[in-house]
């Protein structure tokens, strides 16, 4: 039998994703055994997912920018496998990330957490940075709670300032009344 390439022979079969041989090759990879192996593999996949949602956001931005007015909502957003709210959050998370306030390796792994970060006013964002809040393992619930405490703290400070101002006005009124009474008493002596 000749080892020469047969030009008239059909090409070898291409493996497609649903092919049992592809599935066998995928499962032939080393299955994680130890907890750290599972964590490593899950982290690798999660990182890949993060890159995917940022790319989805970038594509949504481009589609919205490039398609004729009304076409994005009618032909793209309406057909997506997620809500228009999710599409909006993906776009804003990607837009904020592209602006570069945080290096990619420090970003949280969830688009909804990145979206919430993008809504923080600059002084609040800077406080979050200073407190070390912005990190890959930041959870959405943790950010929401931190923001609530921050707002509650700011509200308390406003209340204290208002109360102090009222007390100062009251003291000035009382001091004026005391001066007036002292003046009247001196005149009456």
N, C-alpha and C. Protein backbone atom coordinates (compact mmCIF):
# COMPACT_ATOMS: atom_id res chain seq x y z
N UNK A 1 0.84 -1.18 0.00
CA UNK A 1 0.00 0.00 0.00
C UNK A 1 0.89 1.24 0.00
N UNK A 2 0.57 2.15 -0.85
CA UNK A 2 1.37 3.36 -1.03
C UNK A 2 1.04 4.39 0.04
N UNK A 3 2.09 5.09 0.48
CA UNK A 3 1.91 6.14 1.49
C UNK A 3 1.70 7.48 0.81
N UNK A 4 1.50 7.49 -0.44
CA UNK A 4 1.31 8.73 -1.18
C UNK A 4 -0.07 9.29 -0.90
N UNK A 5 -0.16 10.59 -0.89
CA UNK A 5 -1.41 11.28 -0.66
C UNK A 5 -2.34 11.06 -1.84
N UNK A 6 -3.51 10.63 -1.55
CA UNK A 6 -4.50 10.44 -2.61
C UNK A 6 -5.29 11.73 -2.76
N UNK A 7 -5.16 12.35 -3.90
CA UNK A 7 -5.83 13.62 -4.13
C UNK A 7 -7.32 13.46 -4.32
N UNK A 8 -7.73 12.30 -4.74
CA UNK A 8 -9.17 12.12 -4.96
C UNK A 8 -9.87 11.55 -3.73
N UNK A 9 -9.15 11.34 -2.63
CA UNK A 9 -9.77 10.81 -1.42
C UNK A 9 -10.51 11.94 -0.70
N UNK A 10 -11.62 11.62 -0.08
CA UNK A 10 -12.36 12.66 0.65
C UNK A 10 -11.53 13.13 1.85
N UNK A 11 -11.70 14.41 2.20
CA UNK A 11 -10.94 14.93 3.35
C UNK A 11 -11.40 14.24 4.64
N UNK A 12 -10.54 14.21 5.64
CA UNK A 12 -10.95 13.59 6.89
C UNK A 12 -12.13 14.36 7.49
N UNK A 13 -12.95 13.66 8.25
CA UNK A 13 -14.14 14.27 8.84
C UNK A 13 -13.74 15.36 9.83
N UNK A 14 -14.46 16.47 9.79
CA UNK A 14 -14.23 17.58 10.71
C UNK A 14 -15.07 17.32 11.95
N UNK A 15 -14.44 17.45 13.09
CA UNK A 15 -15.17 17.24 14.33
C UNK A 15 -16.00 18.48 14.65
N UNK A 16 -17.26 18.25 14.93
CA UNK A 16 -18.12 19.37 15.31
C UNK A 16 -18.46 19.26 16.78
N UNK A 17 -18.91 20.36 17.34
CA UNK A 17 -19.09 20.44 18.77
C UNK A 17 -19.96 19.34 19.37
N UNK A 18 -21.03 18.96 18.71
CA UNK A 18 -21.92 17.93 19.25
C UNK A 18 -21.42 16.51 19.02
N UNK A 19 -20.33 16.37 18.27
CA UNK A 19 -19.77 15.06 17.93
C UNK A 19 -19.30 14.36 19.21
N UNK A 20 -19.62 13.09 19.32
CA UNK A 20 -19.23 12.30 20.50
C UNK A 20 -17.72 12.27 20.66
N UNK A 21 -16.98 12.31 19.55
CA UNK A 21 -15.52 12.29 19.63
C UNK A 21 -14.99 13.58 20.28
N UNK A 22 -15.65 14.71 19.98
CA UNK A 22 -15.25 15.98 20.59
C UNK A 22 -15.51 15.92 22.09
N UNK A 23 -16.67 15.41 22.46
CA UNK A 23 -17.00 15.29 23.88
C UNK A 23 -16.01 14.37 24.58
N UNK A 24 -15.61 13.29 23.92
CA UNK A 24 -14.64 12.36 24.51
C UNK A 24 -13.29 13.06 24.70
N UNK A 25 -12.89 13.86 23.69
CA UNK A 25 -11.62 14.59 23.82
C UNK A 25 -11.69 15.61 24.95
N UNK A 26 -12.84 16.28 25.09
CA UNK A 26 -12.97 17.26 26.15
C UNK A 26 -12.94 16.60 27.53
N UNK A 27 -13.60 15.47 27.67
CA UNK A 27 -13.62 14.82 28.97
C UNK A 27 -12.31 14.10 29.26
N UNK A 28 -11.48 13.89 28.21
CA UNK A 28 -10.19 13.24 28.41
C UNK A 28 -9.22 14.16 29.14
N UNK A 29 -9.53 15.47 29.13
CA UNK A 29 -8.71 16.39 29.91
C UNK A 29 -8.75 15.95 31.36
N UNK A 30 -7.74 16.26 32.07
CA UNK A 30 -7.65 15.86 33.46
C UNK A 30 -8.80 16.45 34.26
N UNK A 31 -9.56 15.59 34.86
CA UNK A 31 -10.67 16.01 35.72
C UNK A 31 -10.08 16.48 37.04
N UNK A 32 -10.51 17.65 37.55
CA UNK A 32 -9.98 18.11 38.83
C UNK A 32 -10.23 17.06 39.92
N UNK A 33 -9.25 16.93 40.81
CA UNK A 33 -9.35 15.96 41.89
C UNK A 33 -9.38 16.65 43.25
N UNK A 34 -8.51 17.62 43.42
CA UNK A 34 -8.37 18.30 44.70
C UNK A 34 -9.17 19.60 44.70
N UNK A 35 -9.53 20.09 45.87
CA UNK A 35 -10.29 21.36 45.93
C UNK A 35 -9.60 22.49 45.17
N UNK A 36 -8.29 22.61 45.31
CA UNK A 36 -7.59 23.70 44.62
C UNK A 36 -7.62 23.53 43.10
N UNK A 37 -7.71 22.27 42.62
CA UNK A 37 -7.84 22.03 41.18
C UNK A 37 -9.19 22.53 40.68
N UNK A 38 -10.24 22.25 41.47
CA UNK A 38 -11.57 22.74 41.10
C UNK A 38 -11.60 24.26 41.09
N UNK A 39 -11.04 24.85 42.13
CA UNK A 39 -11.00 26.32 42.22
C UNK A 39 -10.24 26.90 41.05
N UNK A 40 -9.12 26.30 40.70
CA UNK A 40 -8.32 26.78 39.59
C UNK A 40 -9.09 26.72 38.27
N UNK A 41 -9.74 25.57 38.01
CA UNK A 41 -10.49 25.42 36.77
C UNK A 41 -11.70 26.35 36.72
N UNK A 42 -12.41 26.44 37.82
CA UNK A 42 -13.58 27.32 37.88
C UNK A 42 -13.14 28.76 37.70
N UNK A 43 -12.05 29.16 38.35
CA UNK A 43 -11.54 30.53 38.22
C UNK A 43 -11.14 30.82 36.77
N UNK A 44 -10.52 29.85 36.12
CA UNK A 44 -10.13 30.02 34.72
C UNK A 44 -11.36 30.25 33.84
N UNK A 45 -12.37 29.44 34.06
CA UNK A 45 -13.61 29.58 33.28
C UNK A 45 -14.32 30.89 33.60
N UNK A 46 -14.30 31.26 34.88
CA UNK A 46 -14.96 32.52 35.28
C UNK A 46 -14.26 33.70 34.64
N UNK A 47 -12.94 33.66 34.59
CA UNK A 47 -12.18 34.73 33.95
C UNK A 47 -12.55 34.81 32.48
N UNK A 48 -12.69 33.66 31.85
CA UNK A 48 -13.10 33.62 30.44
C UNK A 48 -14.50 34.20 30.28
N UNK A 49 -15.39 33.91 31.24
CA UNK A 49 -16.75 34.43 31.19
C UNK A 49 -16.74 35.96 31.34
N UNK A 50 -15.87 36.47 32.24
CA UNK A 50 -15.77 37.91 32.42
C UNK A 50 -15.35 38.58 31.11
N UNK A 51 -14.35 38.02 30.47
CA UNK A 51 -13.93 38.55 29.17
C UNK A 51 -15.06 38.52 28.16
N UNK A 52 -15.86 37.45 28.22
CA UNK A 52 -16.98 37.32 27.28
C UNK A 52 -18.03 38.40 27.53
N UNK A 53 -18.38 38.66 28.81
CA UNK A 53 -19.43 39.65 29.02
C UNK A 53 -18.94 41.07 28.69
N UNK A 54 -17.64 41.33 28.87
CA UNK A 54 -17.12 42.63 28.47
C UNK A 54 -17.14 42.77 26.95
N UNK A 55 -16.82 41.68 26.25
CA UNK A 55 -16.87 41.72 24.77
C UNK A 55 -18.32 41.86 24.30
N UNK A 56 -19.24 41.20 24.98
CA UNK A 56 -20.67 41.36 24.64
C UNK A 56 -21.06 42.82 24.79
N UNK A 57 -20.63 43.43 25.89
CA UNK A 57 -20.93 44.85 26.11
C UNK A 57 -20.36 45.73 25.01
N UNK A 58 -19.12 45.44 24.60
CA UNK A 58 -18.50 46.21 23.51
C UNK A 58 -19.27 46.05 22.21
N UNK A 59 -19.70 44.82 21.93
CA UNK A 59 -20.49 44.58 20.71
C UNK A 59 -21.82 45.31 20.76
N UNK A 60 -22.45 45.32 21.93
CA UNK A 60 -23.71 46.05 22.08
C UNK A 60 -23.50 47.54 21.84
N UNK A 61 -22.40 48.08 22.36
CA UNK A 61 -22.09 49.50 22.14
C UNK A 61 -21.93 49.78 20.65
N UNK A 62 -21.14 48.94 19.98
CA UNK A 62 -20.92 49.13 18.54
C UNK A 62 -22.22 49.02 17.75
N UNK A 63 -23.04 48.03 18.10
CA UNK A 63 -24.31 47.85 17.39
C UNK A 63 -25.18 49.09 17.57
N UNK A 64 -25.27 49.58 18.78
CA UNK A 64 -26.10 50.76 19.05
C UNK A 64 -25.57 51.99 18.32
N UNK A 65 -24.24 52.12 18.25
CA UNK A 65 -23.62 53.27 17.59
C UNK A 65 -23.73 53.21 16.06
N UNK A 66 -23.62 52.01 15.50
CA UNK A 66 -23.49 51.88 14.05
C UNK A 66 -24.80 51.63 13.31
N UNK A 67 -25.75 51.00 13.97
CA UNK A 67 -27.01 50.70 13.29
C UNK A 67 -27.88 51.95 13.16
N UNK A 68 -28.70 52.01 12.11
CA UNK A 68 -29.59 53.16 11.95
C UNK A 68 -30.53 53.30 13.16
N UNK A 69 -30.95 54.54 13.40
CA UNK A 69 -31.81 54.84 14.55
C UNK A 69 -33.02 53.90 14.58
N UNK A 70 -33.26 53.29 15.73
CA UNK A 70 -34.39 52.40 15.91
C UNK A 70 -34.09 50.94 15.58
N UNK A 71 -33.05 50.71 14.78
CA UNK A 71 -32.72 49.36 14.35
C UNK A 71 -32.14 48.55 15.51
N UNK A 72 -31.34 49.20 16.36
CA UNK A 72 -30.71 48.48 17.48
C UNK A 72 -31.78 47.84 18.37
N UNK A 73 -32.75 48.62 18.80
CA UNK A 73 -33.79 48.09 19.69
C UNK A 73 -34.64 47.05 18.97
N UNK A 74 -35.04 47.35 17.76
CA UNK A 74 -35.96 46.47 17.03
C UNK A 74 -35.30 45.18 16.57
N UNK A 75 -34.10 45.26 16.06
CA UNK A 75 -33.48 44.09 15.44
C UNK A 75 -32.44 43.40 16.30
N UNK A 76 -31.86 44.10 17.24
CA UNK A 76 -30.81 43.48 18.06
C UNK A 76 -31.32 43.22 19.47
N UNK A 77 -31.59 44.30 20.19
CA UNK A 77 -31.96 44.16 21.60
C UNK A 77 -33.20 43.29 21.80
N UNK A 78 -34.16 43.40 20.92
CA UNK A 78 -35.40 42.61 21.05
C UNK A 78 -35.16 41.12 20.86
N UNK A 79 -34.08 40.76 20.18
CA UNK A 79 -33.81 39.35 19.89
C UNK A 79 -32.77 38.70 20.81
N UNK A 80 -32.23 39.48 21.73
CA UNK A 80 -31.18 38.96 22.60
C UNK A 80 -31.73 37.97 23.63
N UNK A 81 -30.90 37.07 24.13
CA UNK A 81 -31.36 36.09 25.12
C UNK A 81 -31.37 36.65 26.54
N UNK A 82 -31.36 37.99 26.68
CA UNK A 82 -31.46 38.63 27.98
C UNK A 82 -32.22 39.93 27.83
N UNK A 83 -32.59 40.53 28.95
CA UNK A 83 -33.45 41.71 28.94
C UNK A 83 -32.71 42.96 28.45
N UNK A 84 -33.48 43.99 28.13
CA UNK A 84 -32.88 45.26 27.71
C UNK A 84 -32.13 45.89 28.89
N UNK A 85 -32.59 45.64 30.12
CA UNK A 85 -31.88 46.14 31.31
C UNK A 85 -30.49 45.50 31.39
N UNK A 86 -30.42 44.19 31.14
CA UNK A 86 -29.13 43.50 31.15
C UNK A 86 -28.25 44.05 30.03
N UNK A 87 -28.82 44.27 28.86
CA UNK A 87 -28.06 44.83 27.73
C UNK A 87 -27.49 46.19 28.12
N UNK A 88 -28.31 47.01 28.77
CA UNK A 88 -27.86 48.34 29.20
C UNK A 88 -26.69 48.20 30.19
N UNK A 89 -26.84 47.32 31.18
CA UNK A 89 -25.79 47.13 32.17
C UNK A 89 -24.50 46.60 31.54
N UNK A 90 -24.63 45.69 30.59
CA UNK A 90 -23.45 45.17 29.88
C UNK A 90 -22.75 46.29 29.12
N UNK A 91 -23.53 47.14 28.43
CA UNK A 91 -22.94 48.25 27.68
C UNK A 91 -22.22 49.21 28.62
N UNK A 92 -22.88 49.57 29.72
CA UNK A 92 -22.28 50.54 30.63
C UNK A 92 -21.07 49.97 31.35
N UNK A 93 -21.11 48.69 31.71
CA UNK A 93 -19.95 48.05 32.33
C UNK A 93 -18.78 48.06 31.36
N UNK A 94 -19.03 47.73 30.11
CA UNK A 94 -17.97 47.72 29.10
C UNK A 94 -17.45 49.14 28.84
N UNK A 95 -18.35 50.10 28.74
CA UNK A 95 -17.96 51.49 28.49
C UNK A 95 -17.06 52.00 29.64
N UNK A 96 -17.47 51.72 30.87
CA UNK A 96 -16.71 52.16 32.05
C UNK A 96 -15.34 51.48 32.08
N UNK A 97 -15.33 50.18 31.75
CA UNK A 97 -14.09 49.42 31.74
C UNK A 97 -13.14 49.95 30.68
N UNK A 98 -13.68 50.29 29.51
CA UNK A 98 -12.84 50.82 28.43
C UNK A 98 -12.26 52.18 28.80
N UNK A 99 -12.97 52.93 29.66
CA UNK A 99 -12.45 54.22 30.10
C UNK A 99 -11.23 54.03 31.00
N UNK A 100 -11.10 52.83 31.56
CA UNK A 100 -9.90 52.44 32.28
C UNK A 100 -9.69 52.94 33.69
N UNK A 101 -10.75 53.18 34.49
CA UNK A 101 -10.49 53.64 35.86
C UNK A 101 -9.86 52.54 36.74
N UNK A 102 -10.04 51.28 36.33
CA UNK A 102 -9.51 50.15 37.09
C UNK A 102 -8.88 49.17 36.10
N UNK A 103 -7.67 48.71 36.36
CA UNK A 103 -7.06 47.71 35.46
C UNK A 103 -7.92 46.44 35.41
N UNK A 104 -7.95 45.80 34.27
CA UNK A 104 -8.78 44.60 34.08
C UNK A 104 -8.55 43.55 35.15
N UNK A 105 -7.30 43.35 35.56
CA UNK A 105 -7.01 42.29 36.54
C UNK A 105 -7.58 42.59 37.92
N UNK A 106 -7.98 43.84 38.19
CA UNK A 106 -8.57 44.19 39.49
C UNK A 106 -10.09 44.27 39.44
N UNK A 107 -10.66 44.09 38.26
CA UNK A 107 -12.12 44.19 38.13
C UNK A 107 -12.82 43.01 38.78
N UNK A 108 -14.00 43.27 39.36
CA UNK A 108 -14.81 42.14 39.85
C UNK A 108 -15.23 41.26 38.69
N UNK A 109 -15.60 40.03 38.99
CA UNK A 109 -15.92 39.07 37.95
C UNK A 109 -17.33 39.15 37.41
N UNK A 110 -18.15 40.03 37.93
CA UNK A 110 -19.54 40.11 37.51
C UNK A 110 -19.83 41.43 36.81
N UNK A 111 -20.53 41.36 35.69
CA UNK A 111 -20.86 42.59 34.97
C UNK A 111 -21.76 43.48 35.81
N UNK A 112 -22.65 42.87 36.63
CA UNK A 112 -23.56 43.70 37.42
C UNK A 112 -22.81 44.44 38.52
N UNK A 113 -21.74 43.86 39.05
CA UNK A 113 -20.92 44.55 40.05
C UNK A 113 -20.13 45.67 39.39
N UNK A 114 -19.59 45.40 38.21
CA UNK A 114 -18.87 46.44 37.47
C UNK A 114 -19.84 47.57 37.11
N UNK A 115 -21.05 47.21 36.71
CA UNK A 115 -22.05 48.23 36.40
C UNK A 115 -22.29 49.12 37.62
N UNK A 116 -22.48 48.51 38.80
CA UNK A 116 -22.70 49.31 40.01
C UNK A 116 -21.50 50.22 40.30
N UNK A 117 -20.29 49.71 40.09
CA UNK A 117 -19.11 50.56 40.27
C UNK A 117 -19.18 51.76 39.32
N UNK A 118 -19.66 51.53 38.11
CA UNK A 118 -19.71 52.61 37.12
C UNK A 118 -20.70 53.70 37.51
N UNK A 119 -21.62 53.40 38.42
CA UNK A 119 -22.63 54.39 38.82
C UNK A 119 -22.17 55.24 40.01
N UNK A 120 -21.04 54.89 40.61
CA UNK A 120 -20.57 55.65 41.77
C UNK A 120 -20.05 57.01 41.34
N UNK A 121 -20.40 58.03 42.12
CA UNK A 121 -19.86 59.36 41.87
C UNK A 121 -18.37 59.32 42.19
N UNK A 122 -17.59 60.19 41.57
CA UNK A 122 -16.14 60.16 41.68
C UNK A 122 -15.63 60.14 43.13
N UNK A 123 -16.13 61.00 44.04
CA UNK A 123 -15.62 60.95 45.41
C UNK A 123 -15.91 59.61 46.11
N UNK A 124 -17.07 59.03 45.81
CA UNK A 124 -17.44 57.75 46.41
C UNK A 124 -16.55 56.64 45.82
N UNK A 125 -16.32 56.69 44.50
CA UNK A 125 -15.44 55.73 43.86
C UNK A 125 -14.03 55.81 44.45
N UNK A 126 -13.55 57.03 44.64
CA UNK A 126 -12.21 57.21 45.22
C UNK A 126 -12.14 56.65 46.63
N UNK A 127 -13.22 56.81 47.41
CA UNK A 127 -13.26 56.25 48.76
C UNK A 127 -13.23 54.72 48.69
N UNK A 128 -13.95 54.15 47.73
CA UNK A 128 -13.95 52.69 47.56
C UNK A 128 -12.54 52.20 47.21
N UNK A 129 -11.87 52.93 46.34
CA UNK A 129 -10.49 52.59 45.98
C UNK A 129 -9.59 52.66 47.21
N UNK A 130 -9.71 53.75 47.95
CA UNK A 130 -8.87 53.97 49.13
C UNK A 130 -9.08 52.88 50.18
N UNK A 131 -10.31 52.41 50.32
CA UNK A 131 -10.63 51.38 51.31
C UNK A 131 -10.34 49.97 50.81
N UNK A 132 -9.84 49.83 49.58
CA UNK A 132 -9.48 48.53 49.04
C UNK A 132 -10.68 47.68 48.65
N UNK A 133 -11.81 48.33 48.41
CA UNK A 133 -13.04 47.61 48.08
C UNK A 133 -12.99 47.02 46.67
N UNK A 134 -12.33 47.71 45.76
CA UNK A 134 -12.35 47.29 44.35
C UNK A 134 -11.28 46.22 44.14
N UNK A 135 -11.78 45.00 43.96
CA UNK A 135 -10.91 43.83 43.80
C UNK A 135 -11.69 42.75 43.07
N UNK A 136 -11.00 41.76 42.50
CA UNK A 136 -11.67 40.74 41.70
C UNK A 136 -12.76 39.96 42.46
N UNK A 137 -12.58 39.74 43.75
CA UNK A 137 -13.57 38.95 44.48
C UNK A 137 -14.72 39.78 45.06
N UNK A 138 -14.77 41.08 44.73
CA UNK A 138 -15.85 41.94 45.21
C UNK A 138 -17.20 41.39 44.73
N UNK A 139 -18.11 41.21 45.65
CA UNK A 139 -19.46 40.73 45.33
C UNK A 139 -20.41 41.93 45.28
N UNK A 140 -21.43 41.80 44.46
CA UNK A 140 -22.43 42.85 44.29
C UNK A 140 -23.06 43.23 45.63
N UNK A 141 -23.43 42.22 46.43
CA UNK A 141 -24.07 42.48 47.73
C UNK A 141 -23.15 43.27 48.65
N UNK A 142 -21.85 42.96 48.61
CA UNK A 142 -20.88 43.68 49.44
C UNK A 142 -20.80 45.14 49.02
N UNK A 143 -20.80 45.41 47.72
CA UNK A 143 -20.75 46.77 47.22
C UNK A 143 -22.01 47.54 47.60
N UNK A 144 -23.15 46.90 47.48
CA UNK A 144 -24.43 47.54 47.84
C UNK A 144 -24.43 47.90 49.33
N UNK A 145 -24.01 46.97 50.18
CA UNK A 145 -23.97 47.23 51.62
C UNK A 145 -22.98 48.35 51.95
N UNK A 146 -21.81 48.33 51.33
CA UNK A 146 -20.82 49.38 51.55
C UNK A 146 -21.40 50.74 51.16
N UNK A 147 -22.06 50.78 50.02
CA UNK A 147 -22.66 52.04 49.54
C UNK A 147 -23.76 52.52 50.48
N UNK A 148 -24.58 51.57 50.98
CA UNK A 148 -25.64 51.94 51.93
C UNK A 148 -25.05 52.57 53.19
N UNK A 149 -24.02 51.94 53.74
CA UNK A 149 -23.38 52.47 54.94
C UNK A 149 -22.80 53.85 54.66
N UNK A 150 -22.20 53.98 53.50
CA UNK A 150 -21.59 55.27 53.12
C UNK A 150 -22.66 56.35 53.03
N UNK A 151 -23.78 56.03 52.39
CA UNK A 151 -24.86 57.00 52.25
C UNK A 151 -25.47 57.30 53.62
N UNK A 152 -25.67 56.24 54.42
CA UNK A 152 -26.21 56.42 55.76
C UNK A 152 -25.29 57.32 56.57
N UNK A 153 -23.98 57.08 56.47
CA UNK A 153 -23.00 57.91 57.17
C UNK A 153 -23.04 59.35 56.69
N UNK A 154 -23.17 59.54 55.39
CA UNK A 154 -23.25 60.89 54.83
C UNK A 154 -24.52 61.58 55.31
N UNK A 155 -25.64 60.85 55.33
CA UNK A 155 -26.90 61.40 55.82
C UNK A 155 -26.79 61.80 57.28
N UNK A 156 -26.13 60.97 58.07
CA UNK A 156 -25.93 61.29 59.49
C UNK A 156 -25.11 62.56 59.65
N UNK A 157 -24.08 62.71 58.85
CA UNK A 157 -23.26 63.92 58.91
C UNK A 157 -24.08 65.15 58.54
N UNK A 158 -24.91 65.03 57.53
CA UNK A 158 -25.77 66.15 57.13
C UNK A 158 -26.72 66.50 58.27
N UNK A 159 -27.33 65.49 58.88
CA UNK A 159 -28.24 65.72 60.01
C UNK A 159 -27.51 66.41 61.15
N UNK A 160 -26.29 65.96 61.46
CA UNK A 160 -25.51 66.57 62.55
C UNK A 160 -25.17 68.02 62.23
N UNK A 161 -24.79 68.29 60.99
CA UNK A 161 -24.47 69.68 60.59
C UNK A 161 -25.69 70.57 60.70
N UNK A 162 -26.83 70.03 60.23
CA UNK A 162 -28.09 70.80 60.32
C UNK A 162 -28.44 71.10 61.77
N UNK A 163 -28.33 70.10 62.65
CA UNK A 163 -28.65 70.27 64.07
C UNK A 163 -27.69 71.29 64.70
N UNK A 164 -26.41 71.21 64.37
CA UNK A 164 -25.43 72.15 64.89
C UNK A 164 -25.78 73.57 64.46
N UNK A 165 -26.14 73.74 63.20
CA UNK A 165 -26.51 75.07 62.70
C UNK A 165 -27.75 75.60 63.41
N UNK A 166 -28.74 74.74 63.63
CA UNK A 166 -29.95 75.16 64.37
C UNK A 166 -29.60 75.58 65.80
N UNK A 167 -28.73 74.78 66.44
CA UNK A 167 -28.33 75.12 67.81
C UNK A 167 -27.55 76.44 67.86
N UNK A 168 -26.69 76.69 66.88
CA UNK A 168 -25.95 77.95 66.83
C UNK A 168 -26.90 79.13 66.66
N UNK A 169 -27.89 78.96 65.78
CA UNK A 169 -28.88 80.03 65.60
C UNK A 169 -29.66 80.26 66.89
N UNK A 170 -30.02 79.16 67.55
CA UNK A 170 -30.75 79.25 68.81
C UNK A 170 -29.89 79.94 69.87
N UNK A 171 -28.59 79.58 69.96
CA UNK A 171 -27.67 80.20 70.91
C UNK A 171 -27.54 81.70 70.62
N UNK A 172 -27.42 82.06 69.34
CA UNK A 172 -27.32 83.48 68.98
C UNK A 172 -28.59 84.21 69.39
N UNK A 173 -29.74 83.59 69.19
CA UNK A 173 -31.01 84.21 69.58
C UNK A 173 -31.06 84.38 71.11
N UNK A 174 -30.64 83.35 71.85
CA UNK A 174 -30.65 83.41 73.32
C UNK A 174 -29.66 84.46 73.81
N UNK A 175 -28.44 84.49 73.22
CA UNK A 175 -27.45 85.48 73.63
C UNK A 175 -27.95 86.90 73.37
N UNK A 176 -28.62 87.09 72.25
CA UNK A 176 -29.21 88.41 71.94
C UNK A 176 -30.28 88.76 72.96
N UNK A 177 -31.09 87.81 73.31
CA UNK A 177 -32.14 88.05 74.30
C UNK A 177 -31.53 88.38 75.67
N UNK A 178 -30.46 87.68 76.03
CA UNK A 178 -29.76 87.95 77.30
C UNK A 178 -29.20 89.37 77.28
N UNK A 179 -28.54 89.78 76.18
CA UNK A 179 -27.98 91.14 76.08
C UNK A 179 -29.08 92.20 76.23
N UNK A 180 -30.19 91.92 75.57
CA UNK A 180 -31.30 92.87 75.63
C UNK A 180 -31.83 93.00 77.06
N UNK A 181 -32.01 91.85 77.73
CA UNK A 181 -32.52 91.89 79.10
C UNK A 181 -31.52 92.58 80.04
N UNK A 182 -30.21 92.28 79.85
CA UNK A 182 -29.20 92.93 80.67
C UNK A 182 -29.21 94.44 80.45
N UNK A 183 -29.37 94.83 79.19
CA UNK A 183 -29.42 96.26 78.86
C UNK A 183 -30.63 96.91 79.54
N UNK A 184 -31.78 96.26 79.46
CA UNK A 184 -32.99 96.80 80.07
C UNK A 184 -32.83 96.89 81.59
N UNK A 185 -32.21 95.87 82.18
CA UNK A 185 -32.01 95.90 83.63
C UNK A 185 -31.07 97.02 84.05
N UNK A 186 -30.02 97.31 83.27
CA UNK A 186 -29.07 98.38 83.57
C UNK A 186 -29.78 99.74 83.49
N UNK A 187 -30.65 99.86 82.50
CA UNK A 187 -31.34 101.12 82.29
C UNK A 187 -32.36 101.36 83.42
N UNK A 188 -32.89 100.26 83.94
CA UNK A 188 -33.90 100.37 84.98
C UNK A 188 -33.32 100.60 86.35
N UNK A 189 -32.05 100.46 86.54
CA UNK A 189 -31.44 100.64 87.86
C UNK A 189 -31.28 102.05 88.21
